[in-house]
N, C-alpha and C. Protein backbone atom coordinates (compact mmCIF):
# COMPACT_ATOMS: atom_id res chain seq x y z
N MET A 1 16.51 34.56 44.08
CA MET A 1 15.66 35.53 43.53
C MET A 1 14.50 34.70 42.56
N LEU A 2 14.98 33.75 41.73
CA LEU A 2 14.01 33.06 40.93
C LEU A 2 13.31 32.28 41.84
N TRP A 3 13.86 31.67 42.73
CA TRP A 3 13.18 30.74 43.70
C TRP A 3 12.17 31.49 44.49
N ASP A 4 12.51 32.55 44.88
CA ASP A 4 11.58 33.51 45.63
C ASP A 4 10.33 33.89 44.93
N ARG A 5 10.58 34.09 43.60
CA ARG A 5 9.37 34.55 42.73
C ARG A 5 8.49 33.14 42.51
N LEU A 6 9.24 32.05 42.35
CA LEU A 6 8.22 30.81 42.12
C LEU A 6 7.48 30.45 43.47
N PHE A 7 8.12 30.59 44.60
CA PHE A 7 7.27 30.30 45.84
C PHE A 7 6.33 31.39 46.09
N ASN A 8 6.31 32.52 45.63
CA ASN A 8 5.37 33.60 45.89
C ASN A 8 4.33 33.69 44.84
N VAL A 9 4.16 32.70 43.92
CA VAL A 9 3.11 32.80 42.90
C VAL A 9 1.88 32.19 43.53
N LYS A 10 0.73 32.71 42.92
CA LYS A 10 -0.57 32.10 43.58
C LYS A 10 -0.63 30.59 43.27
N ILE A 11 -1.43 29.94 44.22
CA ILE A 11 -1.57 28.50 44.05
C ILE A 11 -2.31 28.12 42.83
N SER A 12 -3.13 28.90 42.28
CA SER A 12 -3.97 28.71 41.03
C SER A 12 -2.89 28.75 39.85
N THR A 13 -2.00 29.64 39.87
CA THR A 13 -0.96 29.62 38.79
C THR A 13 -0.03 28.31 38.92
N LYS A 14 0.25 27.84 40.09
CA LYS A 14 1.00 26.75 40.31
C LYS A 14 0.41 25.52 39.70
N ILE A 15 -1.02 25.41 40.14
CA ILE A 15 -1.76 24.28 39.65
C ILE A 15 -1.85 24.39 38.06
N LEU A 16 -2.17 25.45 37.42
CA LEU A 16 -2.06 25.60 36.00
C LEU A 16 -0.79 25.20 35.41
N GLY A 17 0.26 25.56 36.02
CA GLY A 17 1.77 25.26 35.49
C GLY A 17 1.91 23.76 35.61
N VAL A 18 1.53 23.21 36.53
CA VAL A 18 1.53 21.68 36.71
C VAL A 18 0.74 20.93 35.53
N VAL A 19 -0.54 21.51 35.49
CA VAL A 19 -1.48 20.98 34.42
C VAL A 19 -0.80 21.21 32.98
N PHE A 20 -0.35 22.40 32.78
CA PHE A 20 0.34 22.61 31.44
C PHE A 20 1.54 21.62 31.42
N PHE A 21 2.37 21.42 32.32
CA PHE A 21 3.45 20.49 32.21
C PHE A 21 3.00 19.09 31.88
N ILE A 22 2.03 18.67 32.62
CA ILE A 22 1.42 17.15 32.31
C ILE A 22 0.98 17.10 30.92
N VAL A 23 0.24 18.06 30.45
CA VAL A 23 -0.28 18.05 29.11
C VAL A 23 0.80 18.11 28.00
N LEU A 24 1.81 18.92 28.28
CA LEU A 24 2.96 18.99 27.46
C LEU A 24 3.75 17.65 27.41
N LEU A 25 4.01 16.96 28.55
CA LEU A 25 4.56 15.65 28.46
C LEU A 25 3.61 14.56 27.87
N PHE A 26 2.35 14.71 27.97
CA PHE A 26 1.49 13.73 27.25
C PHE A 26 1.57 13.91 25.72
N VAL A 27 1.47 15.20 25.31
CA VAL A 27 1.70 15.59 23.81
C VAL A 27 2.95 14.94 23.29
N ILE A 28 4.10 15.37 23.99
CA ILE A 28 5.41 14.94 23.67
C ILE A 28 5.47 13.36 23.64
N GLY A 29 4.86 12.63 24.51
CA GLY A 29 4.87 11.19 24.62
C GLY A 29 4.08 10.60 23.37
N ASN A 30 2.89 11.30 23.09
CA ASN A 30 2.15 10.66 22.03
C ASN A 30 3.01 10.75 20.57
N PHE A 31 3.64 11.98 20.43
CA PHE A 31 4.34 12.10 19.14
C PHE A 31 5.67 11.31 19.11
N THR A 32 6.22 11.01 20.20
CA THR A 32 7.58 10.24 20.10
C THR A 32 7.41 8.86 20.53
N VAL A 33 6.35 8.34 21.03
CA VAL A 33 6.24 7.00 21.40
C VAL A 33 5.00 6.29 20.89
N PHE A 34 3.92 6.79 21.13
CA PHE A 34 2.66 6.24 20.77
C PHE A 34 2.23 6.31 19.32
N LEU A 35 2.35 7.41 18.75
CA LEU A 35 2.04 7.53 17.28
C LEU A 35 2.95 6.73 16.36
N PRO A 36 4.38 6.70 16.68
CA PRO A 36 5.22 5.83 15.77
C PRO A 36 4.90 4.43 16.03
N PHE A 37 4.54 4.06 17.18
CA PHE A 37 4.11 2.52 17.50
C PHE A 37 2.85 2.28 16.74
N VAL A 38 1.79 3.12 16.79
CA VAL A 38 0.72 2.92 16.08
C VAL A 38 0.79 2.76 14.57
N GLU A 39 1.70 3.62 14.05
CA GLU A 39 1.88 3.66 12.56
C GLU A 39 2.72 2.36 12.20
N LYS A 40 3.66 1.91 12.96
CA LYS A 40 4.35 0.81 12.60
C LYS A 40 3.44 -0.37 12.61
N THR A 41 2.64 -0.49 13.72
CA THR A 41 1.59 -1.59 13.91
C THR A 41 0.68 -1.54 12.47
N PHE A 42 0.10 -0.51 12.26
CA PHE A 42 -0.77 -0.17 11.17
C PHE A 42 -0.15 -0.79 9.82
N ILE A 43 1.12 -0.39 9.52
CA ILE A 43 1.76 -0.60 8.45
C ILE A 43 1.97 -2.21 8.33
N GLU A 44 2.44 -2.76 9.38
CA GLU A 44 2.58 -4.25 9.45
C GLU A 44 1.13 -5.02 9.26
N THR A 45 0.20 -4.51 9.82
CA THR A 45 -1.16 -5.06 9.68
C THR A 45 -1.48 -5.04 8.20
N ARG A 46 -1.24 -3.81 7.54
CA ARG A 46 -1.66 -3.76 6.08
C ARG A 46 -0.84 -4.61 5.24
N ARG A 47 0.38 -4.75 5.52
CA ARG A 47 1.32 -5.66 4.76
C ARG A 47 0.88 -7.07 4.97
N THR A 48 0.46 -7.51 6.07
CA THR A 48 0.09 -9.02 6.32
C THR A 48 -1.24 -9.12 5.66
N SER A 49 -2.24 -8.11 5.59
CA SER A 49 -3.42 -8.35 4.85
C SER A 49 -3.17 -8.32 3.42
N LEU A 50 -2.29 -7.64 2.86
CA LEU A 50 -1.91 -7.70 1.45
C LEU A 50 -1.45 -9.12 1.06
N VAL A 51 -0.50 -9.59 1.90
CA VAL A 51 -0.01 -10.80 1.72
C VAL A 51 -1.18 -11.89 1.76
N ASP A 52 -2.12 -11.77 2.69
CA ASP A 52 -3.27 -12.64 2.82
C ASP A 52 -4.13 -12.63 1.57
N VAL A 53 -4.48 -11.42 1.01
CA VAL A 53 -5.24 -11.34 -0.13
C VAL A 53 -4.62 -11.73 -1.39
N SER A 54 -3.30 -11.72 -1.44
CA SER A 54 -2.56 -12.23 -2.77
C SER A 54 -2.34 -13.58 -2.73
N GLY A 55 -2.46 -14.33 -1.61
CA GLY A 55 -2.43 -15.87 -1.55
C GLY A 55 -3.20 -16.49 -2.51
N PRO A 56 -4.49 -16.17 -2.58
CA PRO A 56 -5.39 -16.77 -3.63
C PRO A 56 -5.01 -16.53 -4.98
N ILE A 57 -4.49 -15.38 -5.33
CA ILE A 57 -4.06 -15.06 -6.53
C ILE A 57 -2.94 -15.99 -6.93
N MET A 58 -2.02 -16.20 -6.00
CA MET A 58 -0.73 -17.04 -6.31
C MET A 58 -1.29 -18.54 -6.53
N SER A 59 -2.36 -18.83 -5.60
CA SER A 59 -2.85 -20.28 -5.87
C SER A 59 -3.49 -20.37 -7.26
N LEU A 60 -4.27 -19.39 -7.62
CA LEU A 60 -4.91 -19.42 -9.13
C LEU A 60 -3.78 -19.55 -10.09
N VAL A 61 -2.64 -18.73 -10.06
CA VAL A 61 -1.67 -18.91 -11.13
C VAL A 61 -0.97 -20.42 -10.97
N LYS A 62 -0.86 -20.88 -9.88
CA LYS A 62 -0.18 -22.31 -9.63
C LYS A 62 -1.15 -23.24 -10.24
N GLU A 63 -2.57 -23.03 -9.99
CA GLU A 63 -3.45 -24.05 -10.55
C GLU A 63 -3.45 -23.99 -12.01
N TYR A 64 -3.29 -22.77 -12.70
CA TYR A 64 -3.28 -22.72 -14.14
C TYR A 64 -2.03 -23.38 -14.57
N ASP A 65 -0.86 -23.13 -13.88
CA ASP A 65 0.42 -23.68 -14.27
C ASP A 65 0.25 -25.31 -14.45
N ALA A 66 -0.40 -25.83 -13.37
CA ALA A 66 -0.39 -27.31 -13.29
C ALA A 66 -1.30 -27.75 -14.27
N ARG A 67 -2.36 -26.96 -14.65
CA ARG A 67 -3.27 -27.45 -15.74
C ARG A 67 -2.49 -27.37 -17.11
N ILE A 68 -1.75 -26.39 -17.23
CA ILE A 68 -0.99 -26.34 -18.47
C ILE A 68 -0.10 -27.46 -18.60
N LYS A 69 0.51 -27.79 -17.56
CA LYS A 69 1.58 -29.00 -17.58
C LYS A 69 0.81 -30.35 -17.71
N LYS A 70 -0.45 -30.40 -17.40
CA LYS A 70 -1.41 -31.53 -17.66
C LYS A 70 -1.68 -31.72 -19.04
N GLY A 71 -1.63 -30.54 -19.76
CA GLY A 71 -1.98 -30.39 -21.04
C GLY A 71 -3.44 -30.11 -21.42
N GLU A 72 -4.20 -29.57 -20.36
CA GLU A 72 -5.59 -29.24 -20.55
C GLU A 72 -5.67 -28.08 -21.60
N PHE A 73 -4.59 -27.11 -21.69
CA PHE A 73 -4.76 -26.13 -22.61
C PHE A 73 -3.33 -25.58 -22.78
N SER A 74 -3.12 -24.89 -23.83
CA SER A 74 -1.77 -24.33 -24.10
C SER A 74 -1.34 -23.27 -23.22
N LEU A 75 -0.05 -22.98 -23.29
CA LEU A 75 0.54 -22.01 -22.31
C LEU A 75 -0.16 -20.67 -22.60
N GLU A 76 -0.30 -20.30 -23.80
CA GLU A 76 -0.97 -19.00 -24.03
C GLU A 76 -2.46 -18.93 -23.68
N GLU A 77 -3.14 -19.97 -23.80
CA GLU A 77 -4.53 -20.06 -23.38
C GLU A 77 -4.56 -19.97 -21.91
N GLY A 78 -3.73 -20.66 -21.25
CA GLY A 78 -3.67 -20.72 -19.78
C GLY A 78 -3.47 -19.32 -19.22
N LYS A 79 -2.35 -18.68 -19.79
CA LYS A 79 -2.11 -17.23 -19.33
C LYS A 79 -3.29 -16.53 -19.44
N ASN A 80 -3.94 -16.49 -20.64
CA ASN A 80 -5.10 -15.59 -20.92
C ASN A 80 -6.30 -15.93 -19.92
N ARG A 81 -6.43 -17.16 -19.75
CA ARG A 81 -7.57 -17.35 -18.81
C ARG A 81 -7.16 -16.90 -17.23
N ALA A 82 -5.86 -17.14 -16.83
CA ALA A 82 -5.39 -16.67 -15.50
C ALA A 82 -5.64 -15.17 -15.53
N ILE A 83 -5.14 -14.53 -16.64
CA ILE A 83 -5.10 -12.95 -16.56
C ILE A 83 -6.66 -12.50 -16.39
N GLU A 84 -7.67 -13.13 -17.28
CA GLU A 84 -9.00 -12.93 -17.15
C GLU A 84 -9.57 -12.92 -15.74
N ARG A 85 -9.30 -14.14 -15.10
CA ARG A 85 -9.78 -14.29 -13.69
C ARG A 85 -9.08 -13.29 -12.82
N ILE A 86 -7.91 -12.88 -13.00
CA ILE A 86 -7.27 -11.97 -11.99
C ILE A 86 -7.81 -10.61 -12.16
N LYS A 87 -8.18 -10.34 -13.58
CA LYS A 87 -8.55 -8.90 -13.99
C LYS A 87 -9.96 -8.61 -13.12
N ASN A 88 -10.65 -9.65 -12.80
CA ASN A 88 -12.00 -9.39 -12.22
C ASN A 88 -11.88 -9.58 -10.54
N VAL A 89 -10.83 -9.69 -10.04
CA VAL A 89 -10.80 -9.79 -8.60
C VAL A 89 -10.58 -8.56 -7.96
N ARG A 90 -11.40 -8.20 -6.93
CA ARG A 90 -11.43 -7.10 -6.12
C ARG A 90 -11.28 -7.42 -4.74
N TYR A 91 -10.70 -6.59 -3.93
CA TYR A 91 -10.76 -6.91 -2.42
C TYR A 91 -10.72 -5.44 -1.76
N GLY A 92 -10.96 -5.48 -0.47
CA GLY A 92 -11.01 -4.35 0.42
C GLY A 92 -12.03 -3.29 -0.29
N ASN A 93 -11.71 -2.09 -0.44
CA ASN A 93 -12.56 -1.04 -0.86
C ASN A 93 -12.27 -0.81 -2.30
N GLY A 94 -12.52 -1.77 -3.24
CA GLY A 94 -12.37 -1.58 -4.64
C GLY A 94 -10.91 -1.64 -5.18
N ASP A 95 -10.06 -2.21 -4.24
CA ASP A 95 -8.58 -2.43 -4.52
C ASP A 95 -8.60 -3.54 -5.63
N TYR A 96 -7.42 -3.69 -6.40
CA TYR A 96 -7.36 -4.61 -7.40
C TYR A 96 -5.96 -5.04 -7.66
N PHE A 97 -5.80 -6.21 -8.43
CA PHE A 97 -4.26 -6.60 -8.75
C PHE A 97 -4.13 -6.45 -10.19
N TRP A 98 -2.82 -5.89 -10.51
CA TRP A 98 -2.48 -5.86 -12.06
C TRP A 98 -1.25 -6.71 -12.04
N ILE A 99 -0.93 -6.85 -13.33
CA ILE A 99 0.15 -7.85 -13.63
C ILE A 99 1.16 -7.04 -14.49
N ASN A 100 2.34 -6.98 -14.15
CA ASN A 100 3.46 -6.40 -15.03
C ASN A 100 4.69 -7.40 -14.80
N ASP A 101 5.51 -7.30 -15.88
CA ASP A 101 6.75 -8.18 -15.81
C ASP A 101 7.71 -7.27 -15.04
N VAL A 102 8.96 -7.95 -14.71
CA VAL A 102 9.94 -7.27 -14.10
C VAL A 102 11.26 -7.10 -14.99
N SER A 103 11.08 -6.98 -16.35
CA SER A 103 12.16 -6.99 -17.19
C SER A 103 12.79 -5.60 -17.01
N ARG A 104 14.11 -5.62 -17.36
CA ARG A 104 14.96 -4.35 -17.15
C ARG A 104 15.26 -3.96 -18.68
N PRO A 105 15.56 -2.80 -18.77
CA PRO A 105 15.56 -1.66 -17.97
C PRO A 105 14.16 -1.09 -17.63
N VAL A 106 13.18 -1.43 -18.50
CA VAL A 106 11.81 -0.89 -18.35
C VAL A 106 10.82 -2.10 -18.37
N PRO A 107 10.03 -2.23 -17.29
CA PRO A 107 9.07 -3.39 -17.28
C PRO A 107 7.83 -3.03 -18.20
N LYS A 108 7.22 -4.04 -18.54
CA LYS A 108 5.93 -3.89 -19.40
C LYS A 108 4.73 -4.33 -18.69
N MET A 109 3.60 -3.54 -18.86
CA MET A 109 2.27 -3.87 -18.23
C MET A 109 1.62 -5.07 -18.92
N ILE A 110 1.53 -6.09 -18.20
CA ILE A 110 0.71 -7.27 -18.88
C ILE A 110 -0.73 -7.08 -18.80
N MET A 111 -1.27 -6.71 -17.51
CA MET A 111 -2.75 -6.50 -17.39
C MET A 111 -3.00 -5.45 -16.44
N HIS A 112 -3.78 -4.49 -16.78
CA HIS A 112 -4.20 -3.50 -15.64
C HIS A 112 -5.91 -3.40 -15.92
N PRO A 113 -6.62 -3.85 -14.74
CA PRO A 113 -7.99 -3.90 -14.85
C PRO A 113 -8.70 -2.64 -14.94
N THR A 114 -8.13 -1.56 -14.54
CA THR A 114 -8.93 -0.37 -14.73
C THR A 114 -8.60 0.53 -15.75
N VAL A 115 -7.22 0.39 -16.34
CA VAL A 115 -6.84 1.16 -17.43
C VAL A 115 -6.23 0.13 -18.47
N PRO A 116 -7.16 -0.46 -19.23
CA PRO A 116 -6.89 -1.48 -20.24
C PRO A 116 -5.84 -0.89 -21.35
N SER A 117 -5.87 0.40 -21.57
CA SER A 117 -5.03 0.93 -22.49
C SER A 117 -3.55 0.79 -22.13
N LEU A 118 -3.17 0.42 -21.01
CA LEU A 118 -1.70 0.18 -20.65
C LEU A 118 -1.41 -1.20 -20.88
N ASP A 119 -2.29 -2.09 -21.16
CA ASP A 119 -1.80 -3.46 -21.48
C ASP A 119 -1.09 -3.66 -22.55
N GLY A 120 0.20 -4.25 -22.23
CA GLY A 120 1.24 -4.46 -23.25
C GLY A 120 2.26 -3.19 -23.55
N LYS A 121 1.98 -2.21 -22.79
CA LYS A 121 2.85 -0.96 -22.86
C LYS A 121 4.06 -1.05 -21.99
N GLN A 122 5.06 -0.34 -22.37
CA GLN A 122 6.16 -0.34 -21.52
C GLN A 122 5.95 0.76 -20.46
N LEU A 123 6.40 0.50 -19.30
CA LEU A 123 6.23 1.41 -18.10
C LEU A 123 7.38 2.35 -18.05
N ASP A 124 7.80 3.06 -18.95
CA ASP A 124 8.94 4.05 -18.89
C ASP A 124 8.66 5.46 -18.54
N ASP A 125 7.44 5.70 -18.25
CA ASP A 125 7.07 6.93 -17.75
C ASP A 125 7.46 7.07 -16.14
N PRO A 126 8.11 8.02 -15.64
CA PRO A 126 8.65 8.12 -14.32
C PRO A 126 7.41 8.06 -13.27
N LYS A 127 6.20 8.25 -13.73
CA LYS A 127 5.08 7.97 -12.67
C LYS A 127 4.86 6.43 -12.38
N PHE A 128 5.43 5.63 -13.15
CA PHE A 128 5.39 4.24 -12.80
C PHE A 128 6.52 3.72 -12.04
N ASN A 129 7.42 4.50 -11.61
CA ASN A 129 8.55 4.11 -10.78
C ASN A 129 8.23 3.35 -9.63
N CYS A 130 7.22 3.82 -8.78
CA CYS A 130 6.87 3.31 -7.53
C CYS A 130 6.35 1.88 -7.74
N ALA A 131 5.44 1.61 -8.68
CA ALA A 131 4.93 0.33 -8.87
C ALA A 131 6.06 -0.66 -9.38
N THR A 132 6.84 -0.18 -10.23
CA THR A 132 7.81 -1.12 -10.84
C THR A 132 8.93 -1.50 -9.85
N THR A 133 9.24 -0.42 -9.04
CA THR A 133 10.32 -0.81 -8.11
C THR A 133 9.73 -1.70 -7.09
N ALA A 134 8.48 -1.56 -6.76
CA ALA A 134 7.80 -2.51 -5.64
C ALA A 134 7.79 -3.90 -6.28
N ALA A 135 7.48 -3.93 -7.53
CA ALA A 135 7.29 -5.22 -8.22
C ALA A 135 8.61 -6.01 -8.26
N ARG A 136 9.70 -5.29 -8.54
CA ARG A 136 11.05 -5.89 -8.35
C ARG A 136 11.38 -6.29 -7.02
N ALA A 137 10.99 -5.64 -6.00
CA ALA A 137 11.23 -5.91 -4.68
C ALA A 137 10.30 -7.14 -4.18
N SER A 138 9.36 -7.56 -4.94
CA SER A 138 8.40 -8.35 -4.57
C SER A 138 7.54 -7.97 -3.25
N CYS A 139 7.16 -6.69 -3.31
CA CYS A 139 6.50 -6.29 -2.09
C CYS A 139 5.39 -5.51 -2.73
N PRO A 140 4.35 -5.32 -2.12
CA PRO A 140 3.20 -4.36 -2.47
C PRO A 140 3.54 -2.89 -2.50
N THR A 141 3.13 -2.11 -3.33
CA THR A 141 3.45 -0.80 -3.53
C THR A 141 2.65 -0.13 -2.17
N ARG A 142 3.12 0.89 -1.57
CA ARG A 142 2.50 1.62 -0.50
C ARG A 142 2.50 3.02 -0.90
N GLY A 143 2.92 3.61 -1.97
CA GLY A 143 2.82 4.95 -2.38
C GLY A 143 1.55 5.24 -3.18
N PRO A 144 1.67 6.48 -3.76
CA PRO A 144 0.46 6.97 -4.49
C PRO A 144 0.40 6.15 -5.79
N SER A 145 -0.77 5.77 -6.26
CA SER A 145 -0.97 4.98 -7.40
C SER A 145 -1.16 5.89 -8.60
N PRO A 146 -0.37 5.82 -9.65
CA PRO A 146 -0.56 6.55 -10.74
C PRO A 146 -1.77 6.19 -11.71
N TRP A 147 -2.44 5.23 -11.34
CA TRP A 147 -3.75 4.76 -12.04
C TRP A 147 -4.93 5.15 -11.32
N PRO A 148 -5.99 5.17 -12.10
CA PRO A 148 -7.37 5.37 -11.35
C PRO A 148 -7.81 4.30 -10.48
N ALA A 149 -8.45 4.68 -9.38
CA ALA A 149 -8.99 3.61 -8.52
C ALA A 149 -10.25 2.95 -9.32
N ALA A 150 -10.50 1.73 -8.88
CA ALA A 150 -11.59 0.98 -9.57
C ALA A 150 -12.85 1.77 -9.58
N GLY A 151 -13.43 1.89 -10.79
CA GLY A 151 -14.66 2.76 -10.95
C GLY A 151 -14.57 4.23 -11.26
N TYR A 152 -13.18 4.68 -11.30
CA TYR A 152 -12.89 6.16 -11.48
C TYR A 152 -11.87 6.12 -12.69
N ARG A 153 -12.26 6.19 -13.84
CA ARG A 153 -11.48 6.00 -15.12
C ARG A 153 -11.03 7.38 -15.64
N SER A 154 -11.49 8.45 -15.03
CA SER A 154 -11.05 9.78 -15.57
C SER A 154 -9.79 10.25 -15.04
N LYS A 155 -9.32 9.96 -13.85
CA LYS A 155 -8.06 10.42 -13.38
C LYS A 155 -7.34 9.52 -12.23
N ALA A 156 -6.17 9.81 -12.09
CA ALA A 156 -5.40 9.00 -11.23
C ALA A 156 -5.86 9.40 -9.78
N CYS A 157 -5.94 8.38 -8.86
CA CYS A 157 -6.35 8.68 -7.52
C CYS A 157 -5.20 8.33 -6.62
N PRO A 158 -4.66 9.28 -5.93
CA PRO A 158 -3.75 9.01 -4.99
C PRO A 158 -4.18 7.99 -3.87
N ARG A 159 -3.29 7.08 -3.55
CA ARG A 159 -3.57 6.11 -2.58
C ARG A 159 -2.75 6.31 -1.38
N ASN A 160 -3.56 6.08 -0.27
CA ASN A 160 -2.78 6.16 0.91
C ASN A 160 -2.08 4.96 1.23
N PRO A 161 -0.90 5.15 2.19
CA PRO A 161 -0.24 3.85 2.47
C PRO A 161 -0.90 2.97 3.37
N THR A 162 -2.22 2.74 3.18
CA THR A 162 -2.99 1.82 3.94
C THR A 162 -3.34 0.78 3.23
């Protein structure tokens, strides 16, 4: 009975049914295979690029550490010079580096280039959890930033995980 009805359908309806089925398979394939693959690749690329841009910052810190050990300047002066240089570094589309310690239970902001009022403050507000958790895990944060993007001092700009 069902088979009789399927065989007696117009050829145009059968063609539309096959086209619809192929489109449905394509959409399902995109959402289950292709998009997760692209997302994973994008996140890995972003993670690699963040490691690449943080390399020069680590080199800068090591350079100042070596100069302090040589006696070119005191520990405090070396820290201040390194902080000032890092404060002015920008990469990508106005992205920046900040420095916070990883003390527990609450970290302290050492330097933030776009919100200097945070410098020296305890990061005990829950909005700082994503940044302090990432710092403890030694990986870049990929969540929304509670701080303004460079050049926008009036409000916090949510950041994409890009």
